[in-house]
Amino acid sequence: MAQQKQVDGKVVLITGAARGIGAGLAERLAARGAKVALVGLEAGEQEAVAKRIGPNAKSWEADVTSWDDLERVTAGVVEHFGGIDIVIANAGIATAGFVRSVDRAAFERVIEVDLLGVWRTFRVTLPHVIERRGYLLGISSLAAITHAPGMANYAAAKAGVEAFCNSLRAEVAHLGVKVGVAHPTWIRTDLVESADAHPVFGKLRAGMPGLLGKTYPLDVALDDLEAGILRRARTIHVPRWVGGLKLLRSFLPPIVELGARTRVPAADRAALKDVEERGAFESSVNGHGGRAATKRS
């Protein structure tokens, strides 16, 4: 019961709340008494999530890379719910592609959404979170720790989220605000399923060894993230073994490069062929959210 009181009556703003982790956390936190603001581009999907939750949820359509959208939505959330206690910057997209052949606009859009979207979300909502001495959670990734070929933009953005949250934590601690960063591994979501279905990069990911390539059910991520949010954790590893990899971080790039020697050359040729056949954009964009965000740009 003590844990439930930590979100009971609190206002939680979640970006990327149309499906997957964002929608799942909205439902779980609302079940604990939170009022949840769902923010993202997929208005129809978000409305369905809000309807499932009931009167303690409301959806706002917004692009997390747009200052105007975020200012409008934040004002709307404060007007509707009375304030903001917790912000979960979950909105994220990914592409599939090597640096030399990936669609350029799609590549850059990942960095805009996954990194700049976190910064803009936190910057706009921070005055309200400070007022309530609340909590900010940025969703990073295992990709911030292990930098796989074909994921250069995603790895860079998620590593940036980790660094950004670590710096911000020290800046706002004296204001009573706590800042967390989460590192989920591969979770069974639309984003991962779309990547797995890619004719080139799905096969490349399938060759990842052991735990690095294992995909976990959504509930595994929701269990760990929910528990971390309840205790206002500074780091949340999904699952816990991801935290252990941080101790080995300096050794991981050479290991990845060694494994890539036998797999990347053929994948590189296949990627060039896929781009030629389908076009760079279709070859690069993953998932419903990624398609919506890239078209918006």
C-alpha atoms as a PDB file:
ATOM      1  CA  MET A   1       0.000   0.000   0.000  1.00  0.00           C
ATOM      2  CA  ALA A   2       2.864   2.381   0.742  1.00  0.00           C
ATOM      3  CA  GLN A   3       4.076   2.111  -2.831  1.00  0.00           C
ATOM      4  CA  GLN A   4       0.614   2.837  -4.236  1.00  0.00           C
ATOM      5  CA  LYS A   5       0.525   6.171  -2.394  1.00  0.00           C
ATOM      6  CA  GLN A   6       3.536   7.318  -4.409  1.00  0.00           C
ATOM      7  CA  VAL A   7       1.423   7.713  -7.554  1.00  0.00           C
ATOM      8  CA  ASP A   8      -2.110   7.822  -6.148  1.00  0.00           C
ATOM      9  CA  GLY A   9      -3.528  11.188  -7.205  1.00  0.00           C
ATOM     10  CA  LYS A  10      -0.304  12.158  -9.019  1.00  0.00           C
ATOM     11  CA  VAL A  11      -0.363  13.497 -12.572  1.00  0.00           C
ATOM     12  CA  VAL A  12       1.847  11.510 -14.930  1.00  0.00           C
ATOM     13  CA  LEU A  13       2.637  12.774 -18.435  1.00  0.00           C
ATOM     14  CA  ILE A  14       3.815  10.040 -20.802  1.00  0.00           C
ATOM     15  CA  THR A  15       5.059  10.631 -24.350  1.00  0.00           C
ATOM     16  CA  GLY A  16       4.798   7.922 -26.970  1.00  0.00           C
ATOM     17  CA  ALA A  17       1.736   6.549 -25.201  1.00  0.00           C
ATOM     18  CA  ALA A  18      -0.137   5.050 -28.147  1.00  0.00           C
ATOM     19  CA  ARG A  19       1.191   1.519 -27.741  1.00  0.00           C
ATOM     20  CA  GLY A  20       3.892  -0.631 -26.175  1.00  0.00           C
ATOM     21  CA  ILE A  21       5.727   0.631 -23.101  1.00  0.00           C
ATOM     22  CA  GLY A  22       4.010   4.020 -23.035  1.00  0.00           C
ATOM     23  CA  ALA A  23       0.479   2.629 -23.186  1.00  0.00           C
ATOM     24  CA  GLY A  24       1.316  -0.160 -20.754  1.00  0.00           C
ATOM     25  CA  LEU A  25       2.741   2.220 -18.151  1.00  0.00           C
ATOM     26  CA  ALA A  26      -0.265   4.518 -18.516  1.00  0.00           C
ATOM     27  CA  GLU A  27      -2.613   1.639 -17.754  1.00  0.00           C
ATOM     28  CA  ARG A  28      -0.572   0.361 -14.822  1.00  0.00           C
ATOM     29  CA  LEU A  29      -0.039   3.742 -13.170  1.00  0.00           C
ATOM     30  CA  ALA A  30      -3.683   4.676 -13.647  1.00  0.00           C
ATOM     31  CA  ALA A  31      -4.626   1.411 -11.923  1.00  0.00           C
ATOM     32  CA  ARG A  32      -2.598   2.701  -8.935  1.00  0.00           C
ATOM     33  CA  GLY A  33      -4.613   5.908  -8.836  1.00  0.00           C
ATOM     34  CA  ALA A  34      -2.540   8.173 -11.076  1.00  0.00           C
ATOM     35  CA  LYS A  35      -4.012  10.638 -13.554  1.00  0.00           C
ATOM     36  CA  VAL A  36      -2.301  10.049 -16.873  1.00  0.00           C
ATOM     37  CA  ALA A  37      -1.750  12.436 -19.774  1.00  0.00           C
ATOM     38  CA  LEU A  38      -1.056  10.563 -23.008  1.00  0.00           C
ATOM     39  CA  VAL A  39       1.048  12.539 -25.486  1.00  0.00           C
ATOM     40  CA  GLY A  40       2.038  11.546 -29.014  1.00  0.00           C
ATOM     41  CA  LEU A  41       1.315  11.570 -32.728  1.00  0.00           C
ATOM     42  CA  GLU A  42      -0.969   8.543 -33.058  1.00  0.00           C
ATOM     43  CA  ALA A  43      -4.148  10.218 -31.880  1.00  0.00           C
ATOM     44  CA  GLY A  44      -6.514   7.353 -32.654  1.00  0.00           C
ATOM     45  CA  GLU A  45      -4.438   4.767 -30.810  1.00  0.00           C
ATOM     46  CA  GLN A  46      -3.970   7.072 -27.821  1.00  0.00           C
ATOM     47  CA  GLU A  47      -7.687   7.800 -27.627  1.00  0.00           C
ATOM     48  CA  ALA A  48      -8.297   4.055 -27.480  1.00  0.00           C
ATOM     49  CA  VAL A  49      -5.821   3.727 -24.592  1.00  0.00           C
ATOM     50  CA  ALA A  50      -7.451   6.639 -22.758  1.00  0.00           C
ATOM     51  CA  LYS A  51     -10.883   5.093 -23.266  1.00  0.00           C
ATOM     52  CA  ARG A  52      -9.697   1.795 -21.786  1.00  0.00           C
ATOM     53  CA  ILE A  53      -8.337   3.593 -18.726  1.00  0.00           C
ATOM     54  CA  GLY A  54     -11.346   5.809 -18.119  1.00  0.00           C
ATOM     55  CA  PRO A  55     -11.804   9.339 -16.723  1.00  0.00           C
ATOM     56  CA  ASN A  56      -8.326   9.471 -15.161  1.00  0.00           C
ATOM     57  CA  ALA A  57      -6.742   9.524 -18.629  1.00  0.00           C
ATOM     58  CA  LYS A  58      -6.761  12.052 -21.436  1.00  0.00           C
ATOM     59  CA  SER A  59      -4.986  12.092 -24.803  1.00  0.00           C
ATOM     60  CA  TRP A  60      -3.188  15.005 -26.447  1.00  0.00           C
ATOM     61  CA  GLU A  61      -1.775  14.864 -29.965  1.00  0.00           C
ATOM     62  CA  ALA A  62       1.711  16.340 -30.182  1.00  0.00           C
ATOM     63  CA  ASP A  63       5.092  15.987 -31.854  1.00  0.00           C
ATOM     64  CA  VAL A  64       7.783  15.852 -29.154  1.00  0.00           C
ATOM     65  CA  THR A  65      10.196  17.704 -31.442  1.00  0.00           C
ATOM     66  CA  SER A  66       7.843  20.690 -31.670  1.00  0.00           C
ATOM     67  CA  TRP A  67       8.210  23.403 -29.030  1.00  0.00           C
ATOM     68  CA  ASP A  68       4.779  24.781 -29.942  1.00  0.00           C
ATOM     69  CA  ASP A  69       3.110  21.377 -29.580  1.00  0.00           C
ATOM     70  CA  LEU A  70       4.752  20.716 -26.230  1.00  0.00           C
ATOM     71  CA  GLU A  71       3.922  24.163 -24.854  1.00  0.00           C
ATOM     72  CA  ARG A  72       0.289  23.752 -25.926  1.00  0.00           C
ATOM     73  CA  VAL A  73      -0.027  20.244 -24.513  1.00  0.00           C
ATOM     74  CA  THR A  74       1.705  21.077 -21.222  1.00  0.00           C
ATOM     75  CA  ALA A  75      -0.627  24.007 -20.684  1.00  0.00           C
ATOM     76  CA  GLY A  76      -3.561  21.739 -21.495  1.00  0.00           C
ATOM     77  CA  VAL A  77      -2.446  19.050 -19.063  1.00  0.00           C
ATOM     78  CA  VAL A  78      -1.959  21.572 -16.262  1.00  0.00           C
ATOM     79  CA  GLU A  79      -5.346  23.130 -16.950  1.00  0.00           C
ATOM     80  CA  HIS A  80      -7.087  19.740 -17.069  1.00  0.00           C
ATOM     81  CA  PHE A  81      -5.348  17.941 -14.191  1.00  0.00           C
ATOM     82  CA  GLY A  82      -4.030  20.853 -12.137  1.00  0.00           C
ATOM     83  CA  GLY A  83      -0.291  20.213 -12.470  1.00  0.00           C
ATOM     84  CA  ILE A  84       2.356  17.638 -13.402  1.00  0.00           C
ATOM     85  CA  ASP A  85       4.195  15.377 -10.935  1.00  0.00           C
ATOM     86  CA  ILE A  86       5.941  12.825 -13.148  1.00  0.00           C
ATOM     87  CA  VAL A  87       7.123  12.985 -16.757  1.00  0.00           C
ATOM     88  CA  ILE A  88       8.102   9.851 -18.671  1.00  0.00           C
ATOM     89  CA  ALA A  89       9.880  10.743 -21.920  1.00  0.00           C
ATOM     90  CA  ASN A  90       9.200   7.502 -23.743  1.00  0.00           C
ATOM     91  CA  ALA A  91       8.580   8.618 -27.344  1.00  0.00           C
ATOM     92  CA  GLY A  92      11.084   6.916 -29.613  1.00  0.00           C
ATOM     93  CA  ILE A  93      11.524   5.656 -33.146  1.00  0.00           C
ATOM     94  CA  ALA A  94      14.208   3.698 -34.974  1.00  0.00           C
ATOM     95  CA  THR A  95      15.464   3.061 -38.481  1.00  0.00           C
ATOM     96  CA  ALA A  96      17.131   0.066 -40.062  1.00  0.00           C
ATOM     97  CA  GLY A  97      20.157   0.900 -42.128  1.00  0.00           C
ATOM     98  CA  PHE A  98      23.872   1.360 -42.437  1.00  0.00           C
ATOM     99  CA  VAL A  99      25.258   4.891 -42.371  1.00  0.00           C
ATOM    100  CA  ARG A 100      26.309   4.843 -46.013  1.00  0.00           C
ATOM    101  CA  SER A 101      22.903   3.828 -47.403  1.00  0.00           C
ATOM    102  CA  VAL A 102      20.194   4.718 -44.859  1.00  0.00           C
ATOM    103  CA  ASP A 103      17.700   7.425 -45.805  1.00  0.00           C
ATOM    104  CA  ARG A 104      19.221  10.672 -44.549  1.00  0.00           C
ATOM    105  CA  ALA A 105      16.002  12.285 -43.339  1.00  0.00           C
ATOM    106  CA  ALA A 106      14.907   9.120 -41.539  1.00  0.00           C
ATOM    107  CA  PHE A 107      18.333   8.820 -39.882  1.00  0.00           C
ATOM    108  CA  GLU A 108      18.211  12.368 -38.540  1.00  0.00           C
ATOM    109  CA  ARG A 109      14.577  12.075 -37.462  1.00  0.00           C
ATOM    110  CA  VAL A 110      15.567   9.340 -34.993  1.00  0.00           C
ATOM    111  CA  ILE A 111      17.978  11.711 -33.265  1.00  0.00           C
ATOM    112  CA  GLU A 112      15.392  14.491 -33.300  1.00  0.00           C
ATOM    113  CA  VAL A 113      12.697  12.334 -31.689  1.00  0.00           C
ATOM    114  CA  ASP A 114      14.756  10.099 -29.415  1.00  0.00           C
ATOM    115  CA  LEU A 115      17.186  12.690 -28.043  1.00  0.00           C
ATOM    116  CA  LEU A 116      15.930  16.199 -28.765  1.00  0.00           C
ATOM    117  CA  GLY A 117      12.400  15.053 -27.991  1.00  0.00           C
ATOM    118  CA  VAL A 118      13.508  14.132 -24.462  1.00  0.00           C
ATOM    119  CA  TRP A 119      15.274  17.459 -23.947  1.00  0.00           C
ATOM    120  CA  ARG A 120      12.281  19.445 -25.215  1.00  0.00           C
ATOM    121  CA  THR A 121       9.762  17.433 -23.214  1.00  0.00           C
ATOM    122  CA  PHE A 122      11.720  17.893 -19.995  1.00  0.00           C
ATOM    123  CA  ARG A 123      12.498  21.575 -20.627  1.00  0.00           C
ATOM    124  CA  VAL A 124       8.843  22.507 -21.168  1.00  0.00           C
ATOM    125  CA  THR A 125       7.427  20.447 -18.296  1.00  0.00           C
ATOM    126  CA  LEU A 126      10.238  21.037 -15.787  1.00  0.00           C
ATOM    127  CA  PRO A 127       8.779  24.170 -14.113  1.00  0.00           C
ATOM    128  CA  HIS A 128       5.662  22.199 -13.200  1.00  0.00           C
ATOM    129  CA  VAL A 129       7.655  19.193 -11.978  1.00  0.00           C
ATOM    130  CA  ILE A 130       9.816  21.495  -9.849  1.00  0.00           C
ATOM    131  CA  GLU A 131       6.693  22.995  -8.326  1.00  0.00           C
ATOM    132  CA  ARG A 132       5.637  19.526  -7.140  1.00  0.00           C
ATOM    133  CA  ARG A 133       9.155  18.230  -6.396  1.00  0.00           C
ATOM    134  CA  GLY A 134       8.470  15.424  -8.836  1.00  0.00           C
ATOM    135  CA  TYR A 135      10.262  12.919 -11.033  1.00  0.00           C
ATOM    136  CA  LEU A 136      11.559  12.809 -14.609  1.00  0.00           C
ATOM    137  CA  LEU A 137      12.279   9.505 -16.366  1.00  0.00           C
ATOM    138  CA  GLY A 138      14.053   9.302 -19.720  1.00  0.00           C
ATOM    139  CA  ILE A 139      13.763   6.037 -21.628  1.00  0.00           C
ATOM    140  CA  SER A 140      17.201   5.151 -22.974  1.00  0.00           C
ATOM    141  CA  SER A 141      18.093   1.640 -24.148  1.00  0.00           C
ATOM    142  CA  LEU A 142      20.515  -1.262 -24.078  1.00  0.00           C
ATOM    143  CA  ALA A 143      21.696   0.360 -27.329  1.00  0.00           C
ATOM    144  CA  ALA A 144      23.286   3.123 -25.246  1.00  0.00           C
ATOM    145  CA  ILE A 145      25.632   0.496 -23.851  1.00  0.00           C
ATOM    146  CA  THR A 146      26.120  -1.913 -26.765  1.00  0.00           C
ATOM    147  CA  HIS A 147      26.515  -0.158 -30.115  1.00  0.00           C
ATOM    148  CA  ALA A 148      25.430  -2.544 -32.857  1.00  0.00           C
ATOM    149  CA  PRO A 149      25.955  -2.051 -36.614  1.00  0.00           C
ATOM    150  CA  GLY A 150      22.881  -0.741 -38.386  1.00  0.00           C
ATOM    151  CA  MET A 151      21.819   1.246 -35.307  1.00  0.00           C
ATOM    152  CA  ALA A 152      24.254   4.169 -35.310  1.00  0.00           C
ATOM    153  CA  ASN A 153      21.623   6.886 -34.936  1.00  0.00           C
ATOM    154  CA  TYR A 154      19.566   4.991 -32.352  1.00  0.00           C
ATOM    155  CA  ALA A 155      22.638   4.117 -30.269  1.00  0.00           C
ATOM    156  CA  ALA A 156      23.893   7.699 -30.413  1.00  0.00           C
ATOM    157  CA  ALA A 157      20.504   9.126 -29.417  1.00  0.00           C
ATOM    158  CA  LYS A 158      19.973   6.698 -26.545  1.00  0.00           C
ATOM    159  CA  ALA A 159      23.517   7.212 -25.246  1.00  0.00           C
ATOM    160  CA  GLY A 160      22.737  10.909 -25.381  1.00  0.00           C
ATOM    161  CA  VAL A 161      19.593  10.385 -23.318  1.00  0.00           C
ATOM    162  CA  GLU A 162      21.622   8.613 -20.640  1.00  0.00           C
ATOM    163  CA  ALA A 163      24.231  11.382 -20.509  1.00  0.00           C
ATOM    164  CA  PHE A 164      21.570  14.088 -20.566  1.00  0.00           C
ATOM    165  CA  CYS A 165      19.659  12.546 -17.658  1.00  0.00           C
ATOM    166  CA  ASN A 166      22.834  12.087 -15.629  1.00  0.00           C
ATOM    167  CA  SER A 167      23.748  15.757 -16.056  1.00  0.00           C
ATOM    168  CA  LEU A 168      20.211  16.961 -15.396  1.00  0.00           C
ATOM    169  CA  ARG A 169      19.983  14.907 -12.183  1.00  0.00           C
ATOM    170  CA  ALA A 170      22.804  16.900 -10.648  1.00  0.00           C
ATOM    171  CA  GLU A 171      21.283  20.190 -11.809  1.00  0.00           C
ATOM    172  CA  VAL A 172      17.861  19.759 -10.209  1.00  0.00           C
ATOM    173  CA  ALA A 173      18.555  17.705  -7.083  1.00  0.00           C
ATOM    174  CA  HIS A 174      18.600  20.846  -4.909  1.00  0.00           C
ATOM    175  CA  LEU A 175      15.112  21.661  -6.227  1.00  0.00           C
ATOM    176  CA  GLY A 176      13.713  18.398  -4.933  1.00  0.00           C
ATOM    177  CA  VAL A 177      13.359  16.830  -8.386  1.00  0.00           C
ATOM    178  CA  LYS A 178      14.614  13.318  -9.047  1.00  0.00           C
ATOM    179  CA  VAL A 179      15.755  12.159 -12.478  1.00  0.00           C
ATOM    180  CA  GLY A 180      15.913   8.582 -13.713  1.00  0.00           C
ATOM    181  CA  VAL A 181      17.108   6.865 -16.867  1.00  0.00           C
ATOM    182  CA  ALA A 182      15.860   3.463 -18.036  1.00  0.00           C
ATOM    183  CA  HIS A 183      17.736   0.947 -20.177  1.00  0.00           C
ATOM    184  CA  PRO A 184      15.367  -1.663 -21.655  1.00  0.00           C
ATOM    185  CA  THR A 185      16.801  -4.444 -23.784  1.00  0.00           C
ATOM    186  CA  TRP A 186      14.843  -5.865 -26.743  1.00  0.00           C
ATOM    187  CA  ILE A 187      11.170  -5.830 -25.721  1.00  0.00           C
ATOM    188  CA  ARG A 188       8.325  -7.312 -27.769  1.00  0.00           C
ATOM    189  CA  THR A 189       6.823  -4.061 -29.077  1.00  0.00           C
ATOM    190  CA  ASP A 190       5.789  -2.747 -32.485  1.00  0.00           C
ATOM    191  CA  LEU A 191       9.220  -1.150 -32.853  1.00  0.00           C
ATOM    192  CA  VAL A 192      11.117  -4.391 -32.306  1.00  0.00           C
ATOM    193  CA  GLU A 193       8.689  -6.511 -34.325  1.00  0.00           C
ATOM    194  CA  SER A 194       9.068  -4.132 -37.274  1.00  0.00           C
ATOM    195  CA  ALA A 195      12.851  -4.354 -37.018  1.00  0.00           C
ATOM    196  CA  ASP A 196      12.683  -8.145 -36.895  1.00  0.00           C
ATOM    197  CA  ALA A 197      10.521  -8.168 -40.033  1.00  0.00           C
ATOM    198  CA  HIS A 198      13.072  -6.185 -42.032  1.00  0.00           C
ATOM    199  CA  PRO A 199      14.452  -8.370 -44.849  1.00  0.00           C
ATOM    200  CA  VAL A 200      18.050  -7.432 -44.083  1.00  0.00           C
ATOM    201  CA  PHE A 201      18.368  -6.171 -40.536  1.00  0.00           C
ATOM    202  CA  GLY A 202      15.956  -8.657 -39.028  1.00  0.00           C
ATOM    203  CA  LYS A 203      18.414 -11.403 -39.984  1.00  0.00           C
ATOM    204  CA  LEU A 204      21.314  -9.369 -38.633  1.00  0.00           C
ATOM    205  CA  ARG A 205      19.620  -8.964 -35.253  1.00  0.00           C
ATOM    206  CA  ALA A 206      18.674 -12.639 -35.156  1.00  0.00           C
ATOM    207  CA  GLY A 207      22.391 -13.410 -35.159  1.00  0.00           C
ATOM    208  CA  MET A 208      23.087 -11.489 -31.963  1.00  0.00           C
ATOM    209  CA  PRO A 209      24.519 -13.890 -29.370  1.00  0.00           C
ATOM    210  CA  GLY A 210      22.887 -14.958 -26.107  1.00  0.00           C
ATOM    211  CA  LEU A 211      21.154 -12.368 -23.961  1.00  0.00           C
ATOM    212  CA  LEU A 212      22.149  -9.540 -26.309  1.00  0.00           C
ATOM    213  CA  GLY A 213      19.725 -10.854 -28.901  1.00  0.00           C
ATOM    214  CA  LYS A 214      16.964 -12.129 -26.635  1.00  0.00           C
ATOM    215  CA  THR A 215      13.555 -10.474 -26.855  1.00  0.00           C
ATOM    216  CA  TYR A 216      11.515 -10.195 -23.658  1.00  0.00           C
ATOM    217  CA  PRO A 217       7.724  -9.910 -23.256  1.00  0.00           C
ATOM    218  CA  LEU A 218       6.313  -6.441 -22.715  1.00  0.00           C
ATOM    219  CA  ASP A 219       5.239  -7.311 -19.167  1.00  0.00           C
ATOM    220  CA  VAL A 220       8.880  -7.844 -18.162  1.00  0.00           C
ATOM    221  CA  ALA A 221       9.652  -4.246 -19.079  1.00  0.00           C
ATOM    222  CA  LEU A 222       6.487  -2.917 -17.465  1.00  0.00           C
ATOM    223  CA  ASP A 223       7.217  -4.761 -14.200  1.00  0.00           C
ATOM    224  CA  ASP A 224      10.710  -3.281 -13.895  1.00  0.00           C
ATOM    225  CA  LEU A 225       9.748   0.196 -15.080  1.00  0.00           C
ATOM    226  CA  GLU A 226       6.707   0.402 -12.818  1.00  0.00           C
ATOM    227  CA  ALA A 227       8.767  -0.641  -9.805  1.00  0.00           C
ATOM    228  CA  GLY A 228      11.434   1.915 -10.671  1.00  0.00           C
ATOM    229  CA  ILE A 229       8.931   4.737 -11.087  1.00  0.00           C
ATOM    230  CA  LEU A 230       7.358   3.938  -7.720  1.00  0.00           C
ATOM    231  CA  ARG A 231      10.707   4.333  -5.961  1.00  0.00           C
ATOM    232  CA  ARG A 232      11.837   7.276  -8.148  1.00  0.00           C
ATOM    233  CA  ALA A 233      14.880   5.287  -9.241  1.00  0.00           C
ATOM    234  CA  ARG A 234      17.938   6.960 -10.740  1.00  0.00           C
ATOM    235  CA  THR A 235      18.512   3.947 -13.016  1.00  0.00           C
ATOM    236  CA  ILE A 236      16.175   1.187 -14.210  1.00  0.00           C
ATOM    237  CA  HIS A 237      17.666  -1.789 -16.016  1.00  0.00           C
ATOM    238  CA  VAL A 238      15.341  -4.064 -17.981  1.00  0.00           C
ATOM    239  CA  PRO A 239      16.162  -6.771 -17.061  1.00  0.00           C
ATOM    240  CA  ARG A 240      18.706  -6.369 -14.273  1.00  0.00           C
ATOM    241  CA  TRP A 241      21.589  -7.981 -16.184  1.00  0.00           C
ATOM    242  CA  VAL A 242      21.667  -4.876 -18.423  1.00  0.00           C
ATOM    243  CA  GLY A 243      23.146  -2.985 -15.472  1.00  0.00           C
ATOM    244  CA  GLY A 244      26.022  -5.445 -15.344  1.00  0.00           C
ATOM    245  CA  LEU A 245      26.971  -4.595 -18.908  1.00  0.00           C
ATOM    246  CA  LYS A 246      27.764  -1.050 -17.820  1.00  0.00           C
ATOM    247  CA  LEU A 247      30.726  -2.442 -15.896  1.00  0.00           C
ATOM    248  CA  LEU A 248      32.029  -3.954 -19.143  1.00  0.00           C
ATOM    249  CA  ARG A 249      31.179  -0.997 -21.381  1.00  0.00           C
ATOM    250  CA  SER A 250      34.741  -0.205 -22.434  1.00  0.00           C
ATOM    251  CA  PHE A 251      35.258  -3.779 -23.640  1.00  0.00           C
ATOM    252  CA  LEU A 252      32.063  -4.053 -25.695  1.00  0.00           C
ATOM    253  CA  PRO A 253      32.909  -2.148 -28.924  1.00  0.00           C
ATOM    254  CA  PRO A 254      35.826  -4.460 -29.868  1.00  0.00           C
ATOM    255  CA  ILE A 255      33.633  -7.491 -29.159  1.00  0.00           C
ATOM    256  CA  VAL A 256      30.846  -6.112 -31.378  1.00  0.00           C
ATOM    257  CA  GLU A 257      33.352  -5.322 -34.123  1.00  0.00           C
ATOM    258  CA  LEU A 258      34.771  -8.834 -33.975  1.00  0.00           C
ATOM    259  CA  GLY A 259      31.342 -10.388 -34.397  1.00  0.00           C
ATOM    260  CA  ALA A 260      30.474  -7.990 -37.204  1.00  0.00           C
ATOM    261  CA  ARG A 261      33.418  -9.049 -39.373  1.00  0.00           C
ATOM    262  CA  THR A 262      31.673 -12.164 -40.633  1.00  0.00           C
ATOM    263  CA  ARG A 263      28.114 -10.819 -40.754  1.00  0.00           C
ATOM    264  CA  VAL A 264      28.171  -7.204 -41.891  1.00  0.00           C
ATOM    265  CA  PRO A 265      29.714  -7.536 -45.397  1.00  0.00           C
ATOM    266  CA  ALA A 266      26.845  -9.668 -46.724  1.00  0.00           C
ATOM    267  CA  ALA A 267      24.296  -7.532 -44.881  1.00  0.00           C
ATOM    268  CA  ASP A 268      25.813  -4.383 -46.389  1.00  0.00           C
ATOM    269  CA  ARG A 269      25.402  -5.765 -49.897  1.00  0.00           C
ATOM    270  CA  ALA A 270      21.852  -6.864 -49.116  1.00  0.00           C
ATOM    271  CA  ALA A 271      21.026  -3.436 -47.695  1.00  0.00           C
ATOM    272  CA  LEU A 272      22.196  -1.697 -50.869  1.00  0.00           C
ATOM    273  CA  LYS A 273      20.035  -4.055 -52.916  1.00  0.00           C
ATOM    274  CA  ASP A 274      17.027  -3.443 -50.672  1.00  0.00           C
ATOM    275  CA  VAL A 275      17.438   0.321 -51.019  1.00  0.00           C
ATOM    276  CA  GLU A 276      17.646  -0.060 -54.792  1.00  0.00           C
ATOM    277  CA  GLU A 277      14.472  -2.160 -54.895  1.00  0.00           C
ATOM    278  CA  ARG A 278      12.274  -0.400 -52.319  1.00  0.00           C
ATOM    279  CA  GLY A 279      13.846   3.028 -52.031  1.00  0.00           C
ATOM    280  CA  ALA A 280      15.833   4.423 -49.119  1.00  0.00           C
ATOM    281  CA  PHE A 281      12.797   5.606 -47.150  1.00  0.00           C
ATOM    282  CA  GLU A 282      10.862   2.325 -47.230  1.00  0.00           C
ATOM    283  CA  SER A 283      14.023   0.379 -46.467  1.00  0.00           C
ATOM    284  CA  SER A 284      14.832   2.563 -43.470  1.00  0.00           C
ATOM    285  CA  VAL A 285      11.650   3.351 -41.517  1.00  0.00           C
ATOM    286  CA  ASN A 286      10.451   0.973 -38.781  1.00  0.00           C
ATOM    287  CA  GLY A 287       7.149   0.741 -36.924  1.00  0.00           C
ATOM    288  CA  HIS A 288       3.909   2.697 -36.910  1.00  0.00           C
ATOM    289  CA  GLY A 289       5.340   5.390 -34.668  1.00  0.00           C
ATOM    290  CA  GLY A 290       8.429   5.794 -36.801  1.00  0.00           C
ATOM    291  CA  ARG A 291       6.375   6.131 -39.952  1.00  0.00           C
ATOM    292  CA  ALA A 292       4.098   8.735 -38.344  1.00  0.00           C
ATOM    293  CA  ALA A 293       7.018  10.741 -36.957  1.00  0.00           C
ATOM    294  CA  THR A 294       9.015  10.670 -40.187  1.00  0.00           C
ATOM    295  CA  LYS A 295       6.050  11.694 -42.323  1.00  0.00           C
ATOM    296  CA  ARG A 296       5.376  14.542 -39.862  1.00  0.00           C
ATOM    297  CA  SER A 297       8.904  15.855 -40.456  1.00  0.00           C
END
